[in-house]
Protein backbone atom coordinates (compact mmCIF):
# COMPACT_ATOMS: atom_id res chain seq x y z
CA MET A 1 -14.53 -0.65 14.95
CA LYS A 2 -12.12 -2.66 17.04
CA ALA A 3 -8.70 -3.82 15.87
CA LYS A 4 -9.78 -7.44 16.39
CA GLU A 5 -12.63 -6.98 13.91
CA LEU A 6 -10.29 -5.35 11.42
CA ARG A 7 -7.72 -8.17 11.68
CA GLU A 8 -10.41 -10.66 10.66
CA MET A 9 -11.02 -8.77 7.40
CA SER A 10 -9.32 -9.50 4.10
CA ASP A 11 -6.87 -7.06 2.52
CA GLU A 12 -9.53 -5.83 0.09
CA GLN A 13 -12.05 -5.26 2.88
CA LEU A 14 -9.45 -3.32 4.88
CA GLU A 15 -8.69 -1.06 1.93
CA LEU A 16 -12.41 -0.45 1.35
CA THR A 17 -12.95 0.35 5.04
CA ALA A 18 -10.09 2.86 5.03
CA LYS A 19 -11.40 4.46 1.84
CA GLU A 20 -14.93 4.78 3.25
CA ALA A 21 -13.61 6.31 6.48
CA ALA A 22 -11.48 8.80 4.53
CA GLU A 23 -14.46 9.81 2.38
CA ALA A 24 -16.66 10.21 5.46
CA ASN A 25 -13.95 12.31 7.09
CA PHE A 26 -13.76 14.52 3.99
CA ARG A 27 -17.53 15.06 4.03
CA LEU A 28 -17.42 15.92 7.75
CA ARG A 29 -14.62 18.42 7.15
CA ILE A 30 -16.61 20.15 4.44
CA GLN A 31 -19.71 20.11 6.64
CA SER A 32 -17.83 21.61 9.58
CA GLN A 33 -16.66 24.51 7.43
CA SER A 34 -20.11 25.30 6.10
CA GLU A 35 -22.31 24.55 9.08
CA ARG A 36 -22.35 23.21 12.60
CA LYS A 37 -21.15 19.63 13.01
CA GLU A 38 -23.73 17.13 14.16
CA ALA A 39 -21.19 14.66 15.55
CA PRO A 40 -17.91 16.36 16.53
CA MET A 41 -16.28 13.08 17.56
CA ALA A 42 -17.00 11.43 14.20
CA MET A 43 -13.87 12.91 12.60
CA ARG A 44 -11.72 11.51 15.38
CA LYS A 45 -13.34 8.08 15.09
CA ASN A 46 -12.72 8.03 11.34
CA ARG A 47 -9.06 9.00 11.80
CA GLN A 48 -8.68 6.20 14.35
CA ILE A 49 -10.20 3.66 11.96
CA ILE A 50 -7.85 4.77 9.18
CA ALA A 51 -4.85 4.53 11.51
CA ARG A 52 -5.84 1.04 12.69
CA VAL A 53 -6.29 -0.17 9.12
CA ARG A 54 -2.93 1.23 8.02
CA THR A 55 -1.23 -0.36 11.04
CA ILE A 56 -2.70 -3.77 10.25
CA GLN A 57 -1.70 -3.42 6.59
CA THR A 58 1.86 -2.58 7.62
CA GLN A 59 1.98 -5.56 9.98
CA ARG A 60 0.74 -7.90 7.26
CA ALA A 61 3.28 -6.54 4.77
CA ALA A 62 6.09 -7.09 7.27
CA ALA A 63 4.87 -10.63 7.98
CA LYS A 64 4.87 -11.46 4.26
CA LYS A 65 8.49 -10.27 3.91
CA SER A 66 9.66 -12.45 6.77
């Protein structure tokens, strides 16, 4: 998911996207401990999505304060 797509989302959609990515990352972590991972890059992609969402949320919060 690109940052441009994320910026077009509402605050609620961003929070839901971050939550879904965190849950998917948790499931992948559990899966990697118990068996072989099917998609090794999926954890990295989820972390990147979470980081992008948090960055956009921080930017929006700073813009509201100004």
